Amino acid sequence: MEKSYELHDIVEMKKQHPCGTNSWEIIRMGADIRIKCQGCGQLILMPRREFERKMKKVLHKAADKD
């Protein structure tokens, strides 16, 4: 499976965050992926495999931020 996400993309996860939002920004990529909640700013680090399982879709590509 080819990855469809890049650094600084805004993604939607399968489960909603307790703060009420469901959009996250990818701020670090490697073996682990760090994402930042767009609602409250909380940072979460998770293994790439777990991230790919929990990610639903890409909402905004990083190139669209301009």
N, C-alpha and C. Protein backbone atom coordinates (compact mmCIF):
# COMPACT_ATOMS: atom_id res chain seq x y z
N MET A 1 0.84 -1.20 0.00
CA MET A 1 0.00 0.00 0.00
C MET A 1 0.88 1.25 0.00
N GLU A 2 0.58 2.15 -0.90
CA GLU A 2 1.35 3.39 -1.00
C GLU A 2 0.81 4.40 0.00
N LYS A 3 1.72 5.10 0.69
CA LYS A 3 1.26 6.09 1.67
C LYS A 3 0.65 7.29 0.96
N SER A 4 -0.42 7.80 1.51
CA SER A 4 -1.12 8.91 0.90
C SER A 4 -1.05 10.17 1.77
N TYR A 5 -0.14 10.18 2.72
CA TYR A 5 -0.01 11.31 3.63
C TYR A 5 1.44 11.76 3.67
N GLU A 6 1.62 13.05 4.01
CA GLU A 6 2.97 13.63 4.09
C GLU A 6 3.05 14.50 5.33
N LEU A 7 4.23 14.99 5.61
CA LEU A 7 4.46 15.88 6.73
C LEU A 7 3.59 17.13 6.59
N HIS A 8 2.97 17.56 7.68
CA HIS A 8 2.11 18.75 7.78
C HIS A 8 0.74 18.60 7.12
N ASP A 9 0.38 17.39 6.68
CA ASP A 9 -0.99 17.15 6.21
C ASP A 9 -1.93 17.16 7.41
N ILE A 10 -3.17 17.52 7.19
CA ILE A 10 -4.21 17.44 8.22
C ILE A 10 -5.01 16.17 7.91
N VAL A 11 -5.06 15.27 8.89
CA VAL A 11 -5.72 13.98 8.69
C VAL A 11 -6.89 13.82 9.66
N GLU A 12 -7.81 12.95 9.29
CA GLU A 12 -8.94 12.60 10.16
C GLU A 12 -8.69 11.20 10.68
N MET A 13 -8.84 11.03 11.99
CA MET A 13 -8.67 9.71 12.60
C MET A 13 -10.02 9.05 12.78
N LYS A 14 -10.03 7.73 12.99
CA LYS A 14 -11.28 6.99 13.14
C LYS A 14 -12.04 7.38 14.40
N LYS A 15 -11.30 7.61 15.49
CA LYS A 15 -11.95 7.98 16.76
C LYS A 15 -11.76 9.47 17.03
N GLN A 16 -12.81 10.09 17.56
CA GLN A 16 -12.76 11.51 17.90
C GLN A 16 -11.95 11.72 19.17
N HIS A 17 -11.22 12.83 19.23
CA HIS A 17 -10.45 13.19 20.42
C HIS A 17 -11.41 13.69 21.50
N PRO A 18 -11.10 13.48 22.78
CA PRO A 18 -11.99 13.95 23.86
C PRO A 18 -12.32 15.45 23.80
N CYS A 19 -11.47 16.27 23.19
CA CYS A 19 -11.75 17.71 23.12
C CYS A 19 -12.84 18.02 22.11
N GLY A 20 -13.24 17.05 21.30
CA GLY A 20 -14.35 17.24 20.37
C GLY A 20 -13.97 17.36 18.91
N THR A 21 -12.69 17.44 18.59
CA THR A 21 -12.29 17.54 17.19
C THR A 21 -11.77 16.19 16.69
N ASN A 22 -11.70 16.05 15.39
CA ASN A 22 -11.23 14.80 14.80
C ASN A 22 -10.17 15.07 13.74
N SER A 23 -9.55 16.24 13.77
CA SER A 23 -8.52 16.57 12.78
C SER A 23 -7.17 16.74 13.48
N TRP A 24 -6.14 16.21 12.86
CA TRP A 24 -4.80 16.19 13.42
C TRP A 24 -3.79 16.59 12.35
N GLU A 25 -2.74 17.29 12.75
CA GLU A 25 -1.65 17.64 11.84
C GLU A 25 -0.47 16.71 12.10
N ILE A 26 0.09 16.17 11.01
CA ILE A 26 1.28 15.32 11.13
C ILE A 26 2.47 16.25 11.28
N ILE A 27 3.17 16.17 12.41
CA ILE A 27 4.30 17.08 12.62
C ILE A 27 5.64 16.36 12.67
N ARG A 28 5.66 15.02 12.68
CA ARG A 28 6.91 14.27 12.65
C ARG A 28 6.64 12.93 12.00
N MET A 29 7.52 12.53 11.09
CA MET A 29 7.38 11.23 10.45
C MET A 29 8.69 10.48 10.53
N GLY A 30 8.60 9.20 10.74
CA GLY A 30 9.75 8.30 10.82
C GLY A 30 9.18 6.94 11.12
N ALA A 31 9.87 6.15 11.94
CA ALA A 31 9.32 4.87 12.37
C ALA A 31 8.08 5.14 13.23
N ASP A 32 8.11 6.27 13.96
CA ASP A 32 6.96 6.73 14.73
C ASP A 32 6.42 8.00 14.07
N ILE A 33 5.15 8.26 14.27
CA ILE A 33 4.52 9.47 13.72
C ILE A 33 3.95 10.28 14.88
N ARG A 34 4.29 11.57 14.90
CA ARG A 34 3.75 12.48 15.94
C ARG A 34 2.67 13.32 15.28
N ILE A 35 1.52 13.36 15.93
CA ILE A 35 0.41 14.16 15.42
C ILE A 35 -0.03 15.15 16.49
N LYS A 36 -0.56 16.29 16.03
CA LYS A 36 -0.99 17.36 16.92
C LYS A 36 -2.48 17.61 16.71
N CYS A 37 -3.23 17.58 17.80
CA CYS A 37 -4.67 17.83 17.75
C CYS A 37 -4.91 19.28 17.31
N GLN A 38 -5.80 19.47 16.35
CA GLN A 38 -6.10 20.80 15.86
C GLN A 38 -7.05 21.56 16.79
N GLY A 39 -7.65 20.86 17.74
CA GLY A 39 -8.55 21.51 18.69
C GLY A 39 -7.83 22.03 19.92
N CYS A 40 -7.12 21.13 20.62
CA CYS A 40 -6.51 21.51 21.90
C CYS A 40 -4.99 21.56 21.85
N GLY A 41 -4.38 21.08 20.78
CA GLY A 41 -2.93 21.15 20.65
C GLY A 41 -2.16 20.00 21.28
N GLN A 42 -2.86 18.98 21.78
CA GLN A 42 -2.18 17.84 22.40
C GLN A 42 -1.36 17.08 21.36
N LEU A 43 -0.17 16.63 21.76
CA LEU A 43 0.70 15.87 20.88
C LEU A 43 0.63 14.39 21.23
N ILE A 44 0.58 13.55 20.21
CA ILE A 44 0.55 12.10 20.40
C ILE A 44 1.59 11.48 19.48
N LEU A 45 2.37 10.56 20.03
CA LEU A 45 3.37 9.81 19.26
C LEU A 45 2.92 8.37 19.18
N MET A 46 2.85 7.83 17.96
CA MET A 46 2.43 6.44 17.80
C MET A 46 3.23 5.78 16.69
N PRO A 47 3.39 4.47 16.76
CA PRO A 47 4.09 3.76 15.69
C PRO A 47 3.38 3.95 14.36
N ARG A 48 4.14 3.98 13.27
CA ARG A 48 3.59 4.20 11.93
C ARG A 48 2.50 3.17 11.61
N ARG A 49 2.72 1.93 11.96
CA ARG A 49 1.75 0.88 11.67
C ARG A 49 0.40 1.14 12.35
N GLU A 50 0.46 1.58 13.61
CA GLU A 50 -0.77 1.91 14.36
C GLU A 50 -1.45 3.13 13.75
N PHE A 51 -0.65 4.14 13.36
CA PHE A 51 -1.20 5.35 12.75
C PHE A 51 -1.95 5.00 11.46
N GLU A 52 -1.34 4.17 10.62
CA GLU A 52 -1.97 3.80 9.35
C GLU A 52 -3.28 3.05 9.57
N ARG A 53 -3.35 2.29 10.65
CA ARG A 53 -4.57 1.55 10.98
C ARG A 53 -5.67 2.50 11.47
N LYS A 54 -5.28 3.53 12.23
CA LYS A 54 -6.26 4.43 12.85
C LYS A 54 -6.65 5.63 11.99
N MET A 55 -5.84 5.95 10.96
CA MET A 55 -6.15 7.09 10.11
C MET A 55 -7.31 6.76 9.18
N LYS A 56 -8.24 7.71 9.06
CA LYS A 56 -9.40 7.51 8.18
C LYS A 56 -9.13 8.10 6.79
N LYS A 57 -8.75 9.40 6.76
CA LYS A 57 -8.48 10.04 5.47
C LYS A 57 -7.69 11.33 5.67
N VAL A 58 -7.13 11.83 4.57
CA VAL A 58 -6.42 13.11 4.57
C VAL A 58 -7.44 14.20 4.27
N LEU A 59 -7.55 15.18 5.16
CA LEU A 59 -8.49 16.29 4.97
C LEU A 59 -7.90 17.39 4.11
N HIS A 60 -6.65 17.78 4.41
CA HIS A 60 -5.96 18.83 3.66
C HIS A 60 -4.52 18.40 3.45
N LYS A 61 -4.04 18.49 2.22
CA LYS A 61 -2.64 18.21 1.93
C LYS A 61 -1.80 19.41 2.34
N ALA A 62 -0.54 19.18 2.68
CA ALA A 62 0.36 20.26 3.10
C ALA A 62 0.53 21.29 1.99
N ALA A 63 0.51 20.87 0.74
CA ALA A 63 0.67 21.78 -0.38
C ALA A 63 -0.51 22.74 -0.49
N ASP A 64 -1.69 22.37 0.03
CA ASP A 64 -2.87 23.21 -0.03
C ASP A 64 -2.87 24.34 0.99
N LYS A 65 -1.93 24.31 1.95
CA LYS A 65 -1.87 25.31 3.02
C LYS A 65 -1.47 26.69 2.52
N ASP A 66 -0.82 26.79 1.38
CA ASP A 66 -0.31 28.06 0.88
C ASP A 66 -1.37 29.11 0.73
